[in-house]
Protein backbone atom coordinates (compact mmCIF):
# COMPACT_ATOMS: atom_id res chain seq x y z
CA UNK A 1 0.00 0.00 0.00
CA UNK A 2 1.37 3.41 -0.99
CA UNK A 3 2.02 5.90 1.79
CA UNK A 4 0.72 9.46 1.75
CA UNK A 5 4.22 10.68 0.99
CA UNK A 6 4.68 8.57 -2.15
CA UNK A 7 4.00 11.43 -4.55
CA UNK A 8 6.21 13.58 -6.74
CA UNK A 9 7.35 16.86 -5.19
CA UNK A 10 5.70 19.82 -6.90
CA UNK A 11 7.03 23.31 -6.31
CA UNK A 12 7.05 26.56 -8.23
CA UNK A 13 9.27 29.61 -8.51
CA UNK A 14 7.75 32.49 -6.60
CA UNK A 15 6.10 30.27 -3.98
CA UNK A 16 7.65 29.37 -0.64
CA UNK A 17 8.33 25.65 -0.15
CA UNK A 18 8.79 23.57 3.01
CA UNK A 19 10.85 20.40 2.80
CA UNK A 20 8.47 18.42 4.98
CA UNK A 21 5.79 15.77 4.35
CA UNK A 22 2.47 15.09 6.04
CA UNK A 23 0.60 11.81 6.36
CA UNK A 24 -3.10 12.53 5.98
CA UNK A 25 -4.16 9.49 7.98
CA UNK A 26 -2.32 10.83 11.06
CA UNK A 27 -4.06 14.21 11.12
CA UNK A 28 -5.43 13.62 14.65
CA UNK A 29 -1.99 13.06 16.19
CA UNK A 30 0.16 15.65 18.03
CA UNK A 31 3.04 14.90 15.63
CA UNK A 32 0.92 15.91 12.65
CA UNK A 33 0.06 19.26 14.28
CA UNK A 34 3.73 19.89 15.07
CA UNK A 35 4.83 19.17 11.52
CA UNK A 36 2.01 21.29 10.11
CA UNK A 37 3.00 24.26 12.26
CA UNK A 38 6.62 23.87 11.11
CA UNK A 39 5.34 24.05 7.53
CA UNK A 40 3.28 27.14 8.29
CA UNK A 41 6.28 28.85 9.89
CA UNK A 42 8.21 28.27 6.66
CA UNK A 43 5.42 29.33 4.30
CA UNK A 44 4.32 32.28 6.46
CA UNK A 45 0.64 32.63 5.49
CA UNK A 46 -1.02 35.82 6.77
CA UNK A 47 -1.84 35.98 10.49
CA UNK A 48 -0.02 32.79 11.45
CA UNK A 49 3.18 34.27 12.92
CA UNK A 50 1.58 34.83 16.35
CA UNK A 51 3.66 32.99 19.00
CA UNK A 52 0.45 32.09 20.84
CA UNK A 53 -0.32 29.63 18.03
CA UNK A 54 1.02 26.27 19.16
CA UNK A 55 0.43 22.66 18.05
CA UNK A 56 -1.95 22.24 20.97
CA UNK A 57 -4.13 25.20 19.94
CA UNK A 58 -4.52 24.22 16.26
CA UNK A 59 -7.82 22.74 15.13
CA UNK A 60 -7.65 20.44 12.10
CA UNK A 61 -10.98 19.54 10.51
CA UNK A 62 -11.07 16.95 7.74
CA UNK A 63 -13.31 18.04 4.88
CA UNK A 64 -12.80 15.31 2.30
CA UNK A 65 -10.51 12.49 1.31
CA UNK A 66 -10.07 10.81 -2.05
CA UNK A 67 -7.52 9.34 -4.42
CA UNK A 68 -6.48 12.80 -5.55
CA UNK A 69 -6.61 14.88 -2.36
CA UNK A 70 -7.19 14.93 1.35
CA UNK A 71 -8.53 18.36 2.31
CA UNK A 72 -8.56 19.95 5.78
CA UNK A 73 -9.56 23.27 7.34
CA UNK A 74 -6.89 24.55 9.74
CA UNK A 75 -7.72 27.16 12.37
CA UNK A 76 -6.69 28.43 15.78
CA UNK A 77 -9.84 29.43 17.72
CA UNK A 78 -7.86 30.74 20.70
CA UNK A 79 -6.24 33.40 18.47
CA UNK A 80 -9.21 35.15 16.82
CA UNK A 81 -6.99 37.18 14.49
CA UNK A 82 -5.68 34.03 12.79
CA UNK A 83 -7.32 33.21 9.47
CA UNK A 84 -8.58 29.74 8.64
CA UNK A 85 -6.43 27.98 6.05
CA UNK A 86 -7.09 25.17 3.61
CA UNK A 87 -4.61 22.29 3.74
CA UNK A 88 -4.42 19.99 0.73
CA UNK A 89 -2.42 16.74 0.88
CA UNK A 90 -1.96 15.01 -2.47
CA UNK A 91 -3.11 11.43 -2.83
CA UNK A 92 -0.60 8.69 -3.77
CA UNK A 93 -2.21 8.15 -7.18
CA UNK A 94 -2.95 11.76 -8.03
CA UNK A 95 -0.02 12.36 -10.39
CA UNK A 96 -1.46 9.87 -12.89
CA UNK A 97 -4.83 11.66 -12.83
CA UNK A 98 -3.90 15.33 -12.57
CA UNK A 99 -0.87 17.30 -13.77
CA UNK A 100 0.11 18.82 -10.43
CA UNK A 101 2.71 21.24 -11.86
CA UNK A 102 0.16 22.57 -14.34
CA UNK A 103 -2.58 22.79 -11.72
CA UNK A 104 -0.28 24.67 -9.33
CA UNK A 105 0.80 27.13 -12.01
CA UNK A 106 -2.82 27.73 -13.03
CA UNK A 107 -3.91 28.46 -9.47
CA UNK A 108 -0.91 30.73 -8.81
CA UNK A 109 -1.29 32.79 -11.99
CA UNK A 110 -5.08 33.13 -11.70
CA UNK A 111 -4.99 34.21 -8.04
CA UNK A 112 -1.88 36.42 -8.11
CA UNK A 113 -2.44 38.17 -11.46
CA UNK A 114 -6.22 38.03 -11.92
CA UNK A 115 -7.66 37.59 -8.40
CA UNK A 116 -9.57 34.50 -9.53
CA UNK A 117 -9.77 31.43 -7.30
CA UNK A 118 -7.91 30.72 -4.05
CA UNK A 119 -4.48 32.14 -3.33
CA UNK A 120 -1.71 29.55 -2.89
CA UNK A 121 0.42 30.47 0.12
CA UNK A 122 3.06 27.84 -0.51
CA UNK A 123 3.86 24.18 -0.99
CA UNK A 124 5.40 21.32 0.94
CA UNK A 125 6.69 17.96 -0.28
CA UNK A 126 3.29 16.36 -0.83
CA UNK A 127 0.77 19.17 -0.72
CA UNK A 128 0.04 22.88 -0.45
CA UNK A 129 -1.56 25.54 1.74
CA UNK A 130 -4.34 27.60 0.18
CA UNK A 131 -6.61 30.51 0.99
CA UNK A 132 -9.85 29.56 2.74
CA UNK A 133 -13.16 31.14 1.78
CA UNK A 134 -15.97 31.35 4.32
CA UNK A 135 -18.55 30.21 1.82
CA UNK A 136 -21.09 27.62 0.77
CA UNK A 137 -21.16 25.66 -2.47
CA UNK A 138 -24.02 26.46 -4.82
CA UNK A 139 -26.83 23.98 -5.29
CA UNK A 140 -28.56 22.82 -8.45
CA UNK A 141 -31.45 25.15 -7.58
CA UNK A 142 -29.06 28.10 -7.28
CA UNK A 143 -28.09 27.76 -10.95
CA UNK A 144 -31.70 28.52 -11.86
CA UNK A 145 -31.81 31.69 -9.75
CA UNK A 146 -31.86 34.58 -12.23
CA UNK A 147 -29.54 36.83 -10.21
CA UNK A 148 -27.04 34.09 -9.33
CA UNK A 149 -26.92 32.99 -12.97
CA UNK A 150 -25.91 36.51 -14.02
CA UNK A 151 -23.15 36.44 -11.41
CA UNK A 152 -21.85 33.18 -12.84
CA UNK A 153 -21.97 34.63 -16.35
CA UNK A 154 -19.98 37.66 -15.22
CA UNK A 155 -17.38 35.52 -13.47
CA UNK A 156 -17.01 33.29 -16.53
CA UNK A 157 -16.48 36.38 -18.70
CA UNK A 158 -13.67 37.46 -16.37
CA UNK A 159 -12.03 34.05 -16.52
CA UNK A 160 -12.26 34.11 -20.32
CA UNK A 161 -10.40 37.41 -20.26
CA UNK A 162 -7.29 35.72 -18.85
CA UNK A 163 -4.25 35.65 -21.13
CA UNK A 164 -3.90 31.99 -22.11
CA UNK A 165 -0.15 32.33 -22.60
CA UNK A 166 0.24 33.69 -19.05
CA UNK A 167 -1.20 30.44 -17.70
CA UNK A 168 0.14 27.99 -20.27
CA UNK A 169 3.56 29.70 -20.42
CA UNK A 170 3.63 29.07 -24.14
CA UNK A 171 1.95 30.31 -27.29
CA UNK A 172 -0.20 28.37 -29.74
CA UNK A 173 2.65 28.69 -32.23
CA UNK A 174 5.50 27.47 -30.05
CA UNK A 175 4.15 25.42 -27.16
CA UNK A 176 7.82 24.88 -26.42
CA UNK A 177 7.90 22.25 -29.17
CA UNK A 178 6.61 24.03 -32.24
CA UNK A 179 3.28 22.17 -32.13
CA UNK A 180 0.96 24.72 -30.56
CA UNK A 181 -1.46 24.16 -27.68
CA UNK A 182 -4.56 22.17 -28.44
CA UNK A 183 -8.13 22.87 -27.39
CA UNK A 184 -9.01 20.90 -24.27
CA UNK A 185 -12.06 19.23 -25.82
CA UNK A 186 -10.01 17.76 -28.66
CA UNK A 187 -7.04 16.84 -26.49
CA UNK A 188 -9.23 15.11 -23.90
CA UNK A 189 -11.15 13.00 -26.42
CA UNK A 190 -7.91 11.94 -28.06
CA UNK A 191 -6.46 11.01 -24.68
CA UNK A 192 -9.38 9.02 -23.29
CA UNK A 193 -9.99 7.15 -26.54
CA UNK A 194 -6.44 5.79 -26.46
CA UNK A 195 -6.77 4.77 -22.81
CA UNK A 196 -10.19 3.19 -23.38
CA UNK A 197 -8.80 1.06 -26.21
CA UNK A 198 -6.04 -0.18 -23.91
CA UNK A 199 -8.55 -1.13 -21.23
CA UNK A 200 -10.87 -2.92 -23.66
CA UNK A 201 -7.90 -4.86 -25.06
CA UNK A 202 -7.21 -6.42 -21.66
CA UNK A 203 -8.13 -10.12 -21.40
CA UNK A 204 -10.18 -9.34 -18.30
CA UNK A 205 -12.42 -6.84 -20.14
CA UNK A 206 -15.98 -8.30 -20.32
CA UNK A 207 -17.08 -9.21 -23.83
CA UNK A 208 -20.42 -7.43 -23.35
CA UNK A 209 -18.60 -4.19 -22.55
CA UNK A 210 -16.50 -4.57 -25.71
CA UNK A 211 -19.66 -4.99 -27.78
CA UNK A 212 -21.55 -2.11 -26.19
CA UNK A 213 -18.71 0.39 -26.36
CA UNK A 214 -18.19 0.79 -30.09
CA UNK A 215 -15.19 3.10 -29.92
CA UNK A 216 -14.50 2.85 -33.64
CA UNK A 217 -17.97 4.21 -34.39
CA UNK A 218 -17.59 6.91 -31.76
CA UNK A 219 -14.28 8.01 -33.26
CA UNK A 220 -15.73 8.15 -36.77
CA UNK A 221 -18.66 10.26 -35.62
CA UNK A 222 -16.40 12.50 -33.55
CA UNK A 223 -14.18 13.15 -36.58
CA UNK A 224 -17.26 13.81 -38.71
CA UNK A 225 -18.54 16.26 -36.10
CA UNK A 226 -15.16 18.02 -35.98
CA UNK A 227 -15.21 18.49 -39.76
CA UNK A 228 -18.75 19.86 -39.56
CA UNK A 229 -17.77 22.21 -36.73
CA UNK A 230 -14.67 23.43 -38.59
CA UNK A 231 -16.76 24.21 -41.67
CA UNK A 232 -19.44 25.99 -39.62
CA UNK A 233 -16.86 28.20 -37.93
CA UNK A 234 -15.18 28.87 -41.26
CA UNK A 235 -18.48 30.12 -42.69
CA UNK A 236 -20.03 31.82 -39.65
CA UNK A 237 -17.06 32.84 -37.52
CA UNK A 238 -15.14 31.14 -34.73
CA UNK A 239 -15.89 31.14 -31.04
CA UNK A 240 -13.16 32.98 -29.17
CA UNK A 241 -10.34 30.77 -27.86
CA UNK A 242 -10.10 31.38 -24.12
CA UNK A 243 -8.76 29.92 -20.91
CA UNK A 244 -11.70 27.73 -19.96
CA UNK A 245 -12.68 26.16 -16.64
CA UNK A 246 -14.42 23.23 -18.41
CA UNK A 247 -16.20 22.05 -15.25
CA UNK A 248 -18.48 24.80 -13.90
CA UNK A 249 -20.87 22.52 -12.09
CA UNK A 250 -22.54 23.91 -8.99
CA UNK A 251 -20.16 22.15 -6.59
CA UNK A 252 -17.25 24.13 -8.04
CA UNK A 253 -18.98 27.48 -7.50
CA UNK A 254 -18.85 28.97 -4.00
CA UNK A 255 -20.80 31.91 -2.61
CA UNK A 256 -19.15 34.02 0.05
CA UNK A 257 -21.13 34.23 3.27
CA UNK A 258 -19.92 37.77 4.00
CA UNK A 259 -18.68 39.50 0.81
CA UNK A 260 -16.19 42.32 1.28
CA UNK A 261 -17.76 45.74 1.34
CA UNK A 262 -17.52 47.62 -1.93
CA UNK A 263 -16.83 44.68 -4.27
CA UNK A 264 -19.11 44.11 -7.28
CA UNK A 265 -21.88 41.75 -6.22
CA UNK A 266 -20.98 39.09 -8.80
CA UNK A 267 -17.60 38.64 -7.11
CA UNK A 268 -19.25 36.95 -4.17
CA UNK A 269 -19.11 33.91 -6.47
CA UNK A 270 -15.76 32.14 -6.20
CA UNK A 271 -14.73 29.59 -8.83
CA UNK A 272 -12.64 26.67 -7.56
CA UNK A 273 -11.23 23.33 -8.77
CA UNK A 274 -9.23 24.10 -11.90
CA UNK A 275 -7.95 20.54 -12.43
CA UNK A 276 -9.60 20.33 -15.84
CA UNK A 277 -9.05 23.92 -16.97
CA UNK A 278 -7.37 24.41 -20.35
CA UNK A 279 -7.52 26.44 -23.55
CA UNK A 280 -10.92 25.92 -25.15
CA UNK A 281 -13.61 27.90 -26.89
CA UNK A 282 -15.82 30.29 -24.95
CA UNK A 283 -18.84 28.52 -26.45
CA UNK A 284 -17.61 25.17 -25.12
CA UNK A 285 -17.32 26.45 -21.55
CA UNK A 286 -20.78 27.99 -21.65
CA UNK A 287 -22.28 24.88 -23.27
CA UNK A 288 -20.72 22.66 -20.61
CA UNK A 289 -22.12 24.91 -17.88
CA UNK A 290 -25.61 24.62 -19.37
CA UNK A 291 -25.29 20.82 -19.39
CA UNK A 292 -24.43 21.01 -15.69
CA UNK A 293 -27.92 22.41 -15.12
CA UNK A 294 -29.27 18.98 -16.11
CA UNK A 295 -27.24 17.01 -13.57
CA UNK A 296 -28.17 16.01 -10.04
CA UNK A 297 -25.01 14.85 -8.32
CA UNK A 298 -26.79 14.23 -5.03
CA UNK A 299 -29.53 12.02 -6.46
CA UNK A 300 -29.78 8.27 -6.93
CA UNK A 301 -28.63 8.43 -10.57
CA UNK A 302 -25.94 11.15 -10.71
CA UNK A 303 -24.63 9.87 -14.04
CA UNK A 304 -27.94 10.48 -15.84
CA UNK A 305 -28.51 13.94 -17.29
CA UNK A 306 -32.10 15.20 -17.48
CA UNK A 307 -32.65 17.21 -20.71
CA UNK A 308 -35.83 18.69 -19.22
CA UNK A 309 -33.66 20.66 -16.81
CA UNK A 310 -31.63 22.32 -19.58
CA UNK A 311 -31.94 26.14 -19.27
CA UNK A 312 -34.77 27.68 -21.24
CA UNK A 313 -34.24 30.25 -23.96
CA UNK A 314 -34.96 33.09 -21.49
CA UNK A 315 -32.58 31.58 -18.92
CA UNK A 316 -29.85 31.31 -21.53
CA UNK A 317 -30.41 34.91 -22.63
CA UNK A 318 -30.16 36.02 -19.01
CA UNK A 319 -26.76 34.31 -18.77
CA UNK A 320 -25.60 35.63 -22.16
CA UNK A 321 -26.48 39.20 -21.20
CA UNK A 322 -24.30 39.12 -18.09
CA UNK A 323 -21.49 37.34 -19.92
CA UNK A 324 -21.42 39.78 -22.84
CA UNK A 325 -21.64 42.96 -20.76
CA UNK A 326 -18.70 41.80 -18.63
CA UNK A 327 -16.54 40.56 -21.49
CA UNK A 328 -13.42 42.67 -21.74
CA UNK A 329 -13.76 44.33 -18.34
CA UNK A 330 -10.62 45.03 -16.34
CA UNK A 331 -9.88 42.01 -14.16
CA UNK A 332 -7.64 43.94 -11.80
CA UNK A 333 -10.19 46.66 -11.16
CA UNK A 334 -12.15 46.48 -7.91
CA UNK A 335 -15.10 47.96 -9.84
CA UNK A 336 -14.96 46.59 -13.40
CA UNK A 337 -16.22 48.78 -16.20
CA UNK A 338 -18.88 47.09 -18.33
CA UNK A 339 -18.76 47.17 -22.12
CA UNK A 340 -20.06 50.66 -23.00
CA UNK A 341 -20.88 50.04 -26.66
CA UNK A 342 -23.51 47.32 -26.25
CA UNK A 343 -26.79 48.90 -27.31
CA UNK A 344 -29.89 46.73 -27.10
CA UNK A 345 -29.63 46.04 -30.82
CA UNK A 346 -25.96 45.09 -30.58
CA UNK A 347 -26.53 43.01 -27.47
CA UNK A 348 -29.36 41.06 -29.12
CA UNK A 349 -27.21 40.39 -32.18
CA UNK A 350 -24.32 39.19 -30.00
CA UNK A 351 -26.68 36.96 -28.01
CA UNK A 352 -27.93 35.30 -31.18
CA UNK A 353 -24.37 34.75 -32.35
CA UNK A 354 -23.34 33.29 -29.01
CA UNK A 355 -26.42 31.05 -28.89
CA UNK A 356 -25.51 29.60 -32.30
CA UNK A 357 -21.92 28.96 -31.20
CA UNK A 358 -22.98 27.34 -27.92
CA UNK A 359 -25.37 24.99 -29.73
CA UNK A 360 -22.62 24.04 -32.17
CA UNK A 361 -20.09 23.26 -29.42
CA UNK A 362 -22.61 21.55 -27.14
CA UNK A 363 -21.88 17.96 -28.36
CA UNK A 364 -18.17 18.46 -27.66
CA UNK A 365 -18.93 18.74 -23.95
CA UNK A 366 -20.57 15.31 -23.92
CA UNK A 367 -17.69 13.83 -25.90
CA UNK A 368 -15.07 15.32 -23.59
CA UNK A 369 -16.74 13.81 -20.53
CA UNK A 370 -17.68 10.51 -22.15
CA UNK A 371 -14.77 8.91 -20.33
CA UNK A 372 -16.67 9.69 -17.12
CA UNK A 373 -15.37 7.52 -14.31
CA UNK A 374 -11.90 7.08 -15.76
CA UNK A 375 -11.26 10.83 -15.80
CA UNK A 376 -12.81 11.52 -12.40
CA UNK A 377 -12.18 8.46 -10.24
CA UNK A 378 -12.29 10.55 -7.12
CA UNK A 379 -15.81 11.70 -8.01
CA UNK A 380 -17.49 8.75 -9.65
CA UNK A 381 -20.80 10.49 -9.27
CA UNK A 382 -19.67 12.91 -11.96
CA UNK A 383 -19.54 10.16 -14.61
CA UNK A 384 -21.68 10.63 -17.65
CA UNK A 385 -23.01 7.70 -19.65
CA UNK A 386 -21.05 7.18 -22.87
CA UNK A 387 -23.36 6.92 -25.86
CA UNK A 388 -21.74 6.01 -29.21
CA UNK A 389 -24.49 7.81 -31.15
CA UNK A 390 -24.46 10.91 -28.93
CA UNK A 391 -22.25 13.06 -31.11
CA UNK A 392 -24.24 12.64 -34.30
CA UNK A 393 -27.65 13.09 -32.69
CA UNK A 394 -26.52 16.14 -30.75
CA UNK A 395 -24.87 17.57 -33.85
CA UNK A 396 -28.15 17.26 -35.73
CA UNK A 397 -30.03 19.09 -33.00
CA UNK A 398 -27.34 21.78 -32.95
CA UNK A 399 -27.48 22.25 -36.71
């Protein structure tokens, strides 16, 4: 059995690093608290230099534990001025599921340069210390709230304003290898198809599964869909290539309990969990978010999407309006300036254009997540049912 410490060390220039490891399973022991405080002394997060903070006064609350992470809230109730921290200890198998260096860079760039997501205070040998938000995760019902939906649209517009090269550290022309970065939807499908073929080739793979999962047919229809999409964008214009979250389900959207005074109201929504973020089209990210409206991850069949719950035309327009009026606003500004040139006529035209692009990219979301459980083993409830005919049928409805 692998120990908690059997993970690759991930560190980054510009972030403090402690050469210490923590074993998640020992979080209730005095030794764990001592080691954690040593890490905090090295990383120096705000408000934790007080000498009254000792191993005995630290409270460590386990929030979750999975193959990829063990997450804890760390506080010191006896020192009211100390801020709660989020402690993340990497799982022993996480490196094969998530690119930790890429994830760390994404979080650091987004928080330090764009004030998006949690700030990373520093790293240790098998984990990191992050900013804690006093918040609650949104619910499926919250997505349907007209005001909250506009907040999400505004936050997505801000994320899509991020310079891709600042996060990826490479341009689409160079990519460090002269190949150029690839859209996440295409890269993911290519990746999971290869892995799925390997799994189905194993002698232990059930014959019924081999028959039901017609990967050859799926690949043919995916390639056909890509050709159709390329031609559509060539004729009607391309959806902007952006830095995309790719997974804006309600569990990854937090609402601050006590927003800071003076901030725009939409910034009480905090976007977290950027494991699957990548370059993609704006239309893809919006389409994927709309599909998340149809999921119930707390029900008895979390892998089944309910098309009846897809946002209505008016609900989509509500989202589009917020997204478009916040597109291009200054991310560093405490009070972002909305697009001044969007008359009602212009806004309606842009909404129609965006609606067409979202419908066209909608099947790509299903295809990207068709790998379901294999891509999210730590959250099996997120798995979507792979349907070999999904791409073609969805493409027809989009056309």
